[in-house]
C-alpha atoms as a PDB file:
ATOM      1  CA  MET A   1       8.336 -23.266  13.497  1.00  0.00           C
ATOM      2  CA  SER A   2      10.419 -20.292  12.959  1.00  0.00           C
ATOM      3  CA  ILE A   3      10.641 -17.343  14.800  1.00  0.00           C
ATOM      4  CA  VAL A   4      11.979 -13.782  13.718  1.00  0.00           C
ATOM      5  CA  VAL A   5      13.017 -10.638  15.483  1.00  0.00           C
ATOM      6  CA  THR A   6      14.779  -7.692  14.956  1.00  0.00           C
ATOM      7  CA  ALA A   7      18.163  -7.684  15.671  1.00  0.00           C
ATOM      8  CA  LYS A   8      19.886  -5.483  18.749  1.00  0.00           C
ATOM      9  CA  ASP A   9      21.777  -2.151  18.061  1.00  0.00           C
ATOM     10  CA  LYS A  10      19.429  -1.363  14.974  1.00  0.00           C
ATOM     11  CA  ARG A  11      17.483   1.724  15.051  1.00  0.00           C
ATOM     12  CA  TYR A  12      15.298   2.623  12.570  1.00  0.00           C
ATOM     13  CA  SER A  13      12.763   5.852  11.273  1.00  0.00           C
ATOM     14  CA  ASN A  14       9.808   5.506   9.138  1.00  0.00           C
ATOM     15  CA  LEU A  15       9.323   8.242   5.986  1.00  0.00           C
ATOM     16  CA  ASN A  16       5.855   7.921   4.837  1.00  0.00           C
ATOM     17  CA  LYS A  17       5.220   4.031   4.481  1.00  0.00           C
ATOM     18  CA  GLU A  18       8.996   3.167   3.943  1.00  0.00           C
ATOM     19  CA  VAL A  19      11.446   2.614   6.920  1.00  0.00           C
ATOM     20  CA  VAL A  20      15.051   3.463   6.749  1.00  0.00           C
ATOM     21  CA  ILE A  21      17.285   1.342   9.512  1.00  0.00           C
ATOM     22  CA  LEU A  22      20.855   2.151  11.231  1.00  0.00           C
ATOM     23  CA  ASP A  23      22.678  -0.393  11.726  1.00  0.00           C
ATOM     24  CA  LEU A  24      24.788   1.215  14.681  1.00  0.00           C
ATOM     25  CA  LYS A  25      27.980  -1.179  14.305  1.00  0.00           C
ATOM     26  CA  SER A  26      28.338  -1.039  11.204  1.00  0.00           C
ATOM     27  CA  GLU A  27      26.771   2.446  10.205  1.00  0.00           C
ATOM     28  CA  GLU A  28      25.353   1.065   7.431  1.00  0.00           C
ATOM     29  CA  TYR A  29      21.806   2.367   6.277  1.00  0.00           C
ATOM     30  CA  TYR A  30      19.189  -0.015   4.641  1.00  0.00           C
ATOM     31  CA  GLY A  31      15.811   1.119   2.977  1.00  0.00           C
ATOM     32  CA  LEU A  32      12.748  -1.127   3.062  1.00  0.00           C
ATOM     33  CA  ASN A  33       9.845  -0.063   0.807  1.00  0.00           C
ATOM     34  CA  HIS A  34       6.080  -0.045   2.091  1.00  0.00           C
ATOM     35  CA  VAL A  35       5.752  -4.324   1.892  1.00  0.00           C
ATOM     36  CA  GLY A  36       8.885  -4.180   3.933  1.00  0.00           C
ATOM     37  CA  ALA A  37       8.109  -1.935   5.982  1.00  0.00           C
ATOM     38  CA  THR A  38       5.037  -3.339   7.140  1.00  0.00           C
ATOM     39  CA  ILE A  39       7.300  -6.677   8.037  1.00  0.00           C
ATOM     40  CA  TRP A  40       9.747  -4.484  10.070  1.00  0.00           C
ATOM     41  CA  HIS A  41       6.877  -2.892  12.050  1.00  0.00           C
ATOM     42  CA  LEU A  42       5.762  -6.892  12.648  1.00  0.00           C
ATOM     43  CA  LEU A  43       9.191  -8.009  13.722  1.00  0.00           C
ATOM     44  CA  GLN A  44       9.483  -5.533  16.505  1.00  0.00           C
ATOM     45  CA  GLU A  45       8.333  -8.453  18.675  1.00  0.00           C
ATOM     46  CA  PRO A  46       9.111 -12.473  17.561  1.00  0.00           C
ATOM     47  CA  LYS A  47       7.117 -13.313  15.228  1.00  0.00           C
ATOM     48  CA  ALA A  48       5.996 -16.756  13.797  1.00  0.00           C
ATOM     49  CA  VAL A  49       6.668 -17.044  10.287  1.00  0.00           C
ATOM     50  CA  SER A  50       3.399 -18.188   8.949  1.00  0.00           C
ATOM     51  CA  GLU A  51       1.611 -15.496  11.094  1.00  0.00           C
ATOM     52  CA  ILE A  52       3.578 -12.996   8.996  1.00  0.00           C
ATOM     53  CA  LYS A  53       2.556 -14.369   5.746  1.00  0.00           C
ATOM     54  CA  SER A  54      -1.157 -14.723   7.263  1.00  0.00           C
ATOM     55  CA  ILE A  55      -0.886 -10.875   8.089  1.00  0.00           C
ATOM     56  CA  ILE A  56       0.765 -10.428   4.323  1.00  0.00           C
ATOM     57  CA  LEU A  57      -1.736 -12.123   2.709  1.00  0.00           C
ATOM     58  CA  ASN A  58      -4.611 -10.518   4.364  1.00  0.00           C
ATOM     59  CA  LYS A  59      -3.387  -6.991   3.845  1.00  0.00           C
ATOM     60  CA  TYR A  60      -1.563  -7.244   0.244  1.00  0.00           C
ATOM     61  CA  ASP A  61      -2.982  -8.583  -3.095  1.00  0.00           C
ATOM     62  CA  VAL A  62      -0.266 -11.608  -3.456  1.00  0.00           C
ATOM     63  CA  ASP A  63      -0.662 -15.175  -4.284  1.00  0.00           C
ATOM     64  CA  LEU A  64       0.215 -18.171  -1.749  1.00  0.00           C
ATOM     65  CA  GLU A  65       3.231 -19.004  -3.824  1.00  0.00           C
ATOM     66  CA  GLN A  66       4.068 -15.395  -4.473  1.00  0.00           C
ATOM     67  CA  CYS A  67       4.159 -14.701  -0.898  1.00  0.00           C
ATOM     68  CA  ASP A  68       6.147 -17.445   0.254  1.00  0.00           C
ATOM     69  CA  ARG A  69       8.923 -17.074  -2.272  1.00  0.00           C
ATOM     70  CA  ASP A  70       9.326 -13.507  -1.433  1.00  0.00           C
ATOM     71  CA  LEU A  71       8.792 -13.623   2.068  1.00  0.00           C
ATOM     72  CA  LYS A  72      11.471 -16.197   2.976  1.00  0.00           C
ATOM     73  CA  SER A  73      14.060 -14.501   0.359  1.00  0.00           C
ATOM     74  CA  PHE A  74      13.259 -10.722   2.087  1.00  0.00           C
ATOM     75  CA  LEU A  75      13.984 -12.325   5.958  1.00  0.00           C
ATOM     76  CA  GLU A  76      16.728 -13.941   4.870  1.00  0.00           C
ATOM     77  CA  GLU A  77      18.593 -11.012   3.441  1.00  0.00           C
ATOM     78  CA  LEU A  78      17.569  -9.459   6.570  1.00  0.00           C
ATOM     79  CA  GLU A  79      19.382 -12.354   8.245  1.00  0.00           C
ATOM     80  CA  HIS A  80      21.996 -12.080   5.941  1.00  0.00           C
ATOM     81  CA  GLU A  81      22.752  -8.355   6.561  1.00  0.00           C
ATOM     82  CA  GLY A  82      22.276  -8.785  10.399  1.00  0.00           C
ATOM     83  CA  LEU A  83      19.105  -7.155  10.942  1.00  0.00           C
ATOM     84  CA  VAL A  84      16.887  -9.730  12.031  1.00  0.00           C
ATOM     85  CA  GLU A  85      17.868 -13.342  14.182  1.00  0.00           C
ATOM     86  CA  ILE A  86      15.901 -15.945  12.722  1.00  0.00           C
ATOM     87  CA  ARG A  87      15.271 -18.999  15.415  1.00  0.00           C
ATOM     88  CA  ASN A  88      15.199 -22.507  13.632  1.00  0.00           C
ATOM     89  CA  PRO A  89      16.246 -21.142  10.033  1.00  0.00           C
ATOM     90  CA  ALA A  90      17.109 -24.203   8.322  1.00  0.00           C
ATOM     91  CA  ASN A  91      13.208 -25.228   8.602  1.00  0.00           C
ATOM     92  CA  ILE A  92      11.846 -21.901   7.671  1.00  0.00           C
ATOM     93  CA  ARG A  93       7.818 -22.857   7.324  1.00  0.00           C
ATOM     94  CA  PHE A  94       5.085 -21.254   6.535  1.00  0.00           C
ATOM     95  CA  ASN A  95       2.472 -23.278   7.747  1.00  0.00           C
END
């Protein structure tokens, strides 16, 4: 099971329904839309990918396959940018 949590040394601010993240090491900013902001807030404590998926499916009108693809891609991009840590990333599972 994959667990995801935000990386250390990141600060964020809420702007309406969006989030702006500052990477203190690189001094780069990242912006997340309202769905990304929802996920970011969930990740303030370690969460299983399957738990994140369940919350997204209940909160937004998205089909299962699209949610799987988009969530996996989003989490991998956050990891690539150093914004999150994915424990057991080679096996991101949704169930």
